[in-house]
């Protein structure tokens, strides 16, 4: 990824994953395999321009799902 912006490192992969059912299922399998027990039921959140608080939720979820982001192809 060209940008060093932390939010873009979370946002761009989530945007890519959400566009495909196959990628979403692969992400869910990685979450169940790699994440801690309290995070195994989480899914990535994509922020919306209109709702500023969704950016905070996207960052929080990205931090919780960091093991998956680090192992995403």
N, C-alpha and C. Protein backbone atom coordinates (compact mmCIF):
# COMPACT_ATOMS: atom_id res chain seq x y z
N UNK A 1 0.84 -1.16 0.00
CA UNK A 1 0.00 0.00 0.00
C UNK A 1 0.89 1.24 0.00
N UNK A 2 0.62 2.19 -0.85
CA UNK A 2 1.48 3.34 -1.01
C UNK A 2 1.36 4.34 0.14
N UNK A 3 0.16 4.48 0.69
CA UNK A 3 -0.06 5.46 1.74
C UNK A 3 0.40 4.94 3.09
N UNK A 4 1.03 5.81 3.85
CA UNK A 4 1.42 5.46 5.21
C UNK A 4 0.36 5.89 6.21
N UNK A 5 -0.71 6.47 5.72
CA UNK A 5 -1.79 6.92 6.57
C UNK A 5 -2.44 5.71 7.23
N UNK A 6 -2.49 5.71 8.56
CA UNK A 6 -3.02 4.58 9.32
C UNK A 6 -4.45 4.24 8.93
N UNK A 7 -5.29 5.25 8.78
CA UNK A 7 -6.68 5.01 8.42
C UNK A 7 -6.78 4.35 7.04
N UNK A 8 -5.98 4.77 6.10
CA UNK A 8 -6.03 4.17 4.76
C UNK A 8 -5.53 2.73 4.78
N UNK A 9 -4.61 2.40 5.69
CA UNK A 9 -4.14 1.02 5.82
C UNK A 9 -5.26 0.12 6.33
N UNK A 10 -6.22 0.67 7.03
CA UNK A 10 -7.37 -0.10 7.48
C UNK A 10 -8.48 -0.04 6.45
N UNK A 11 -8.74 1.13 5.92
CA UNK A 11 -9.90 1.38 5.04
C UNK A 11 -9.82 0.65 3.70
N UNK A 12 -8.70 0.75 3.02
CA UNK A 12 -8.60 0.18 1.67
C UNK A 12 -8.80 -1.34 1.63
N UNK A 13 -8.16 -2.11 2.50
CA UNK A 13 -8.42 -3.56 2.47
C UNK A 13 -9.87 -3.91 2.80
N UNK A 14 -10.47 -3.19 3.75
CA UNK A 14 -11.87 -3.47 4.10
C UNK A 14 -12.77 -3.18 2.90
N UNK A 15 -12.51 -2.08 2.22
CA UNK A 15 -13.29 -1.73 1.02
C UNK A 15 -13.18 -2.83 -0.03
N UNK A 16 -12.00 -3.37 -0.19
CA UNK A 16 -11.75 -4.45 -1.15
C UNK A 16 -12.46 -5.74 -0.73
N UNK A 17 -12.41 -6.07 0.54
CA UNK A 17 -13.00 -7.31 1.05
C UNK A 17 -14.52 -7.28 0.96
N UNK A 18 -15.12 -6.15 1.30
CA UNK A 18 -16.58 -6.05 1.33
C UNK A 18 -17.20 -6.24 -0.06
N UNK A 19 -16.47 -5.98 -1.11
CA UNK A 19 -17.00 -6.10 -2.47
C UNK A 19 -17.20 -7.54 -2.94
N UNK A 20 -16.69 -8.52 -2.20
CA UNK A 20 -16.75 -9.91 -2.65
C UNK A 20 -17.18 -10.84 -1.52
N UNK A 21 -18.17 -11.68 -1.80
CA UNK A 21 -18.61 -12.67 -0.82
C UNK A 21 -17.49 -13.65 -0.49
N UNK A 22 -16.72 -14.03 -1.48
CA UNK A 22 -15.63 -14.98 -1.27
C UNK A 22 -14.56 -14.40 -0.35
N UNK A 23 -14.21 -13.14 -0.58
CA UNK A 23 -13.22 -12.48 0.28
C UNK A 23 -13.76 -12.30 1.69
N UNK A 24 -15.06 -11.98 1.81
CA UNK A 24 -15.67 -11.84 3.14
C UNK A 24 -15.61 -13.15 3.91
N UNK A 25 -15.90 -14.26 3.23
CA UNK A 25 -15.85 -15.57 3.89
C UNK A 25 -14.42 -15.91 4.30
N UNK A 26 -13.46 -15.60 3.44
CA UNK A 26 -12.05 -15.84 3.78
C UNK A 26 -11.64 -15.01 4.99
N UNK A 27 -12.09 -13.75 5.04
CA UNK A 27 -11.81 -12.88 6.17
C UNK A 27 -12.42 -13.45 7.45
N UNK A 28 -13.65 -13.92 7.37
CA UNK A 28 -14.31 -14.49 8.55
C UNK A 28 -13.56 -15.72 9.07
N UNK A 29 -13.06 -16.55 8.17
CA UNK A 29 -12.28 -17.72 8.60
C UNK A 29 -10.99 -17.30 9.30
N UNK A 30 -10.33 -16.28 8.75
CA UNK A 30 -9.10 -15.78 9.38
C UNK A 30 -9.39 -15.18 10.76
N UNK A 31 -10.50 -14.47 10.88
CA UNK A 31 -10.87 -13.88 12.16
C UNK A 31 -11.08 -14.98 13.20
N UNK A 32 -11.82 -16.01 12.82
CA UNK A 32 -12.07 -17.12 13.75
C UNK A 32 -10.79 -17.86 14.11
N UNK A 33 -9.83 -17.89 13.21
CA UNK A 33 -8.58 -18.61 13.45
C UNK A 33 -7.55 -17.79 14.23
N UNK A 34 -7.39 -16.52 13.89
CA UNK A 34 -6.27 -15.73 14.40
C UNK A 34 -6.58 -14.81 15.57
N UNK A 35 -7.82 -14.41 15.73
CA UNK A 35 -8.15 -13.40 16.74
C UNK A 35 -8.42 -14.02 18.10
N UNK A 36 -8.31 -13.17 19.12
CA UNK A 36 -8.61 -13.59 20.48
C UNK A 36 -10.09 -13.93 20.59
N UNK A 37 -10.44 -14.72 21.60
CA UNK A 37 -11.81 -15.21 21.75
C UNK A 37 -12.85 -14.10 21.76
N UNK A 38 -12.57 -12.98 22.44
CA UNK A 38 -13.58 -11.91 22.52
C UNK A 38 -13.75 -11.17 21.20
N UNK A 39 -12.87 -11.39 20.22
CA UNK A 39 -12.96 -10.71 18.93
C UNK A 39 -13.38 -11.65 17.79
N UNK A 40 -13.63 -12.91 18.07
CA UNK A 40 -13.90 -13.89 17.01
C UNK A 40 -15.23 -13.65 16.30
N UNK A 41 -16.15 -12.89 16.89
CA UNK A 41 -17.44 -12.64 16.25
C UNK A 41 -17.48 -11.29 15.53
N UNK A 42 -16.37 -10.57 15.48
CA UNK A 42 -16.33 -9.25 14.86
C UNK A 42 -16.16 -9.35 13.34
N UNK A 43 -16.63 -8.33 12.66
CA UNK A 43 -16.41 -8.19 11.22
C UNK A 43 -15.85 -6.78 10.99
N UNK A 44 -15.14 -6.58 9.89
CA UNK A 44 -14.62 -5.23 9.59
C UNK A 44 -15.75 -4.23 9.39
N UNK A 45 -15.51 -3.01 9.76
CA UNK A 45 -16.47 -1.91 9.58
C UNK A 45 -15.87 -0.94 8.58
N UNK A 46 -16.70 -0.48 7.65
CA UNK A 46 -16.28 0.51 6.67
C UNK A 46 -16.89 1.86 7.04
N UNK A 47 -16.08 2.88 7.17
CA UNK A 47 -16.58 4.20 7.56
C UNK A 47 -17.35 4.84 6.41
N UNK A 48 -18.22 5.80 6.77
CA UNK A 48 -19.01 6.56 5.80
C UNK A 48 -18.68 8.03 5.97
N UNK A 49 -18.61 8.75 4.89
CA UNK A 49 -18.26 10.17 4.95
C UNK A 49 -19.27 10.98 5.76
N UNK A 50 -20.54 10.63 5.68
CA UNK A 50 -21.59 11.41 6.33
C UNK A 50 -21.56 11.24 7.85
N UNK A 51 -21.20 10.07 8.31
CA UNK A 51 -21.22 9.78 9.75
C UNK A 51 -19.80 9.75 10.28
N UNK A 52 -19.38 10.83 10.92
CA UNK A 52 -18.00 10.96 11.37
C UNK A 52 -17.62 9.91 12.40
N UNK A 53 -18.57 9.45 13.22
CA UNK A 53 -18.23 8.48 14.26
C UNK A 53 -17.92 7.10 13.69
N UNK A 54 -18.30 6.83 12.45
CA UNK A 54 -17.97 5.53 11.85
C UNK A 54 -16.47 5.41 11.61
N UNK A 55 -15.77 6.53 11.46
CA UNK A 55 -14.31 6.49 11.31
C UNK A 55 -13.68 5.95 12.60
N UNK A 56 -14.18 6.42 13.73
CA UNK A 56 -13.69 5.93 15.02
C UNK A 56 -13.96 4.42 15.15
N UNK A 57 -15.15 3.98 14.77
CA UNK A 57 -15.48 2.56 14.86
C UNK A 57 -14.62 1.73 13.91
N UNK A 58 -14.35 2.27 12.72
CA UNK A 58 -13.50 1.56 11.76
C UNK A 58 -12.08 1.40 12.32
N UNK A 59 -11.54 2.44 12.93
CA UNK A 59 -10.20 2.37 13.50
C UNK A 59 -10.16 1.37 14.66
N UNK A 60 -11.16 1.46 15.54
CA UNK A 60 -11.23 0.55 16.68
C UNK A 60 -11.30 -0.91 16.22
N UNK A 61 -12.14 -1.17 15.24
CA UNK A 61 -12.27 -2.54 14.73
C UNK A 61 -11.00 -2.98 14.03
N UNK A 62 -10.36 -2.07 13.30
CA UNK A 62 -9.10 -2.39 12.63
C UNK A 62 -8.01 -2.78 13.60
N UNK A 63 -7.98 -2.11 14.75
CA UNK A 63 -6.99 -2.45 15.78
C UNK A 63 -7.29 -3.83 16.36
N UNK A 64 -8.55 -4.11 16.62
CA UNK A 64 -8.93 -5.41 17.19
C UNK A 64 -8.67 -6.56 16.22
N UNK A 65 -8.76 -6.28 14.92
CA UNK A 65 -8.56 -7.31 13.91
C UNK A 65 -7.16 -7.26 13.29
N UNK A 66 -6.23 -6.65 13.98
CA UNK A 66 -4.86 -6.50 13.46
C UNK A 66 -4.21 -7.83 13.06
N UNK A 67 -4.38 -8.92 13.83
CA UNK A 67 -3.77 -10.19 13.39
C UNK A 67 -4.25 -10.62 12.00
N UNK A 68 -5.48 -10.33 11.70
CA UNK A 68 -6.03 -10.70 10.38
C UNK A 68 -5.45 -9.78 9.31
N UNK A 69 -5.38 -8.48 9.60
CA UNK A 69 -4.79 -7.54 8.63
C UNK A 69 -3.35 -7.90 8.31
N UNK A 70 -2.61 -8.33 9.32
CA UNK A 70 -1.21 -8.68 9.12
C UNK A 70 -1.04 -9.94 8.27
N UNK A 71 -2.04 -10.80 8.25
CA UNK A 71 -1.96 -12.07 7.51
C UNK A 71 -2.81 -12.08 6.25
N UNK A 72 -3.43 -10.94 5.91
CA UNK A 72 -4.25 -10.88 4.71
C UNK A 72 -3.33 -10.85 3.49
N UNK A 73 -3.67 -11.65 2.48
CA UNK A 73 -2.78 -11.71 1.29
C UNK A 73 -2.68 -10.42 0.52
